[in-house]
């Protein structure tokens, strides 16, 4: 699997995913909107954990830094 999601992007995806899951499971529980928020939240969390985004791959976007360009 090709990793194309950088560190800041991963953190943002995890945070947004958790917020969407919270809204879907607690605020909009049992509604269609809640199920949609749960699905989008899970996709965001999975892409943040795995470090790979299918949409980024299709569009040719890479937010991950090359290994030789790491900052101290």
C-alpha atoms as a PDB file:
ATOM      1  CA  UNK A   1       0.000   0.000   0.000  1.00  0.00           C
ATOM      2  CA  UNK A   2       1.331   3.421  -0.975  1.00  0.00           C
ATOM      3  CA  UNK A   3       1.420   5.969   1.844  1.00  0.00           C
ATOM      4  CA  UNK A   4       0.474   9.399   0.543  1.00  0.00           C
ATOM      5  CA  UNK A   5      -0.847  11.148   3.673  1.00  0.00           C
ATOM      6  CA  UNK A   6       1.513  13.323   5.736  1.00  0.00           C
ATOM      7  CA  UNK A   7       1.657  13.635   9.517  1.00  0.00           C
ATOM      8  CA  UNK A   8      -0.422  16.804   9.889  1.00  0.00           C
ATOM      9  CA  UNK A   9      -2.977  15.455   7.417  1.00  0.00           C
ATOM     10  CA  UNK A  10      -3.195  12.200   9.396  1.00  0.00           C
ATOM     11  CA  UNK A  11      -3.767  14.032  12.688  1.00  0.00           C
ATOM     12  CA  UNK A  12      -6.485  16.187  11.131  1.00  0.00           C
ATOM     13  CA  UNK A  13      -8.183  13.115   9.618  1.00  0.00           C
ATOM     14  CA  UNK A  14      -8.166  11.337  12.977  1.00  0.00           C
ATOM     15  CA  UNK A  15      -9.579  14.365  14.790  1.00  0.00           C
ATOM     16  CA  UNK A  16     -12.315  14.976  12.199  1.00  0.00           C
ATOM     17  CA  UNK A  17     -13.125  11.258  12.123  1.00  0.00           C
ATOM     18  CA  UNK A  18     -13.581  11.111  15.892  1.00  0.00           C
ATOM     19  CA  UNK A  19     -15.804  14.199  15.848  1.00  0.00           C
ATOM     20  CA  UNK A  20     -17.950  12.778  13.036  1.00  0.00           C
ATOM     21  CA  UNK A  21     -18.274   9.437  14.826  1.00  0.00           C
ATOM     22  CA  UNK A  22     -19.306  11.205  18.024  1.00  0.00           C
ATOM     23  CA  UNK A  23     -21.950  13.210  16.174  1.00  0.00           C
ATOM     24  CA  UNK A  24     -23.217  10.157  14.313  1.00  0.00           C
ATOM     25  CA  UNK A  25     -23.394   7.908  17.376  1.00  0.00           C
ATOM     26  CA  UNK A  26     -24.668  10.400  19.957  1.00  0.00           C
ATOM     27  CA  UNK A  27     -26.242  13.510  18.469  1.00  0.00           C
ATOM     28  CA  UNK A  28     -27.889  12.044  15.354  1.00  0.00           C
ATOM     29  CA  UNK A  29     -28.292   8.474  16.615  1.00  0.00           C
ATOM     30  CA  UNK A  30     -30.693   6.338  14.606  1.00  0.00           C
ATOM     31  CA  UNK A  31     -31.101   8.723  11.676  1.00  0.00           C
ATOM     32  CA  UNK A  32     -29.858   8.568   8.124  1.00  0.00           C
ATOM     33  CA  UNK A  33     -27.624  11.548   8.799  1.00  0.00           C
ATOM     34  CA  UNK A  34     -26.116   9.701  11.753  1.00  0.00           C
ATOM     35  CA  UNK A  35     -25.313   6.674   9.604  1.00  0.00           C
ATOM     36  CA  UNK A  36     -23.745   8.904   6.966  1.00  0.00           C
ATOM     37  CA  UNK A  37     -21.617  10.683   9.575  1.00  0.00           C
ATOM     38  CA  UNK A  38     -20.523   7.312  10.972  1.00  0.00           C
ATOM     39  CA  UNK A  39     -19.476   6.071   7.530  1.00  0.00           C
ATOM     40  CA  UNK A  40     -17.526   9.216   6.654  1.00  0.00           C
ATOM     41  CA  UNK A  41     -15.946   9.269  10.121  1.00  0.00           C
ATOM     42  CA  UNK A  42     -14.759   5.669   9.784  1.00  0.00           C
ATOM     43  CA  UNK A  43     -13.245   6.344   6.357  1.00  0.00           C
ATOM     44  CA  UNK A  44     -11.419   9.385   7.759  1.00  0.00           C
ATOM     45  CA  UNK A  45     -10.110   7.404  10.737  1.00  0.00           C
ATOM     46  CA  UNK A  46      -8.988   4.482   8.579  1.00  0.00           C
ATOM     47  CA  UNK A  47      -7.160   6.722   6.111  1.00  0.00           C
ATOM     48  CA  UNK A  48      -5.509   8.524   9.041  1.00  0.00           C
ATOM     49  CA  UNK A  49      -4.397   5.306  10.697  1.00  0.00           C
ATOM     50  CA  UNK A  50      -3.227   3.619   7.502  1.00  0.00           C
ATOM     51  CA  UNK A  51      -1.664   6.759   6.008  1.00  0.00           C
ATOM     52  CA  UNK A  52      -3.138   6.118   2.603  1.00  0.00           C
ATOM     53  CA  UNK A  53      -5.970   7.898   0.798  1.00  0.00           C
ATOM     54  CA  UNK A  54      -7.527   6.439  -2.336  1.00  0.00           C
ATOM     55  CA  UNK A  55      -8.788   9.827  -3.532  1.00  0.00           C
ATOM     56  CA  UNK A  56      -5.316  11.347  -3.141  1.00  0.00           C
ATOM     57  CA  UNK A  57      -3.928   8.447  -5.180  1.00  0.00           C
ATOM     58  CA  UNK A  58      -6.433   9.012  -7.967  1.00  0.00           C
ATOM     59  CA  UNK A  59      -5.705  12.746  -8.059  1.00  0.00           C
ATOM     60  CA  UNK A  60      -1.921  12.339  -7.746  1.00  0.00           C
ATOM     61  CA  UNK A  61      -1.707  14.228  -4.440  1.00  0.00           C
ATOM     62  CA  UNK A  62       0.983  13.349  -1.896  1.00  0.00           C
ATOM     63  CA  UNK A  63       1.240  15.240   1.414  1.00  0.00           C
ATOM     64  CA  UNK A  64       3.875  12.928   2.852  1.00  0.00           C
ATOM     65  CA  UNK A  65       7.447  14.198   2.955  1.00  0.00           C
ATOM     66  CA  UNK A  66      10.214  12.198   1.337  1.00  0.00           C
ATOM     67  CA  UNK A  67      12.505  10.411   3.817  1.00  0.00           C
ATOM     68  CA  UNK A  68      15.502  12.558   2.875  1.00  0.00           C
ATOM     69  CA  UNK A  69      13.614  15.818   3.567  1.00  0.00           C
ATOM     70  CA  UNK A  70      12.689  15.223   7.200  1.00  0.00           C
ATOM     71  CA  UNK A  71      12.896  18.190   9.548  1.00  0.00           C
ATOM     72  CA  UNK A  72      14.535  18.020  12.961  1.00  0.00           C
END
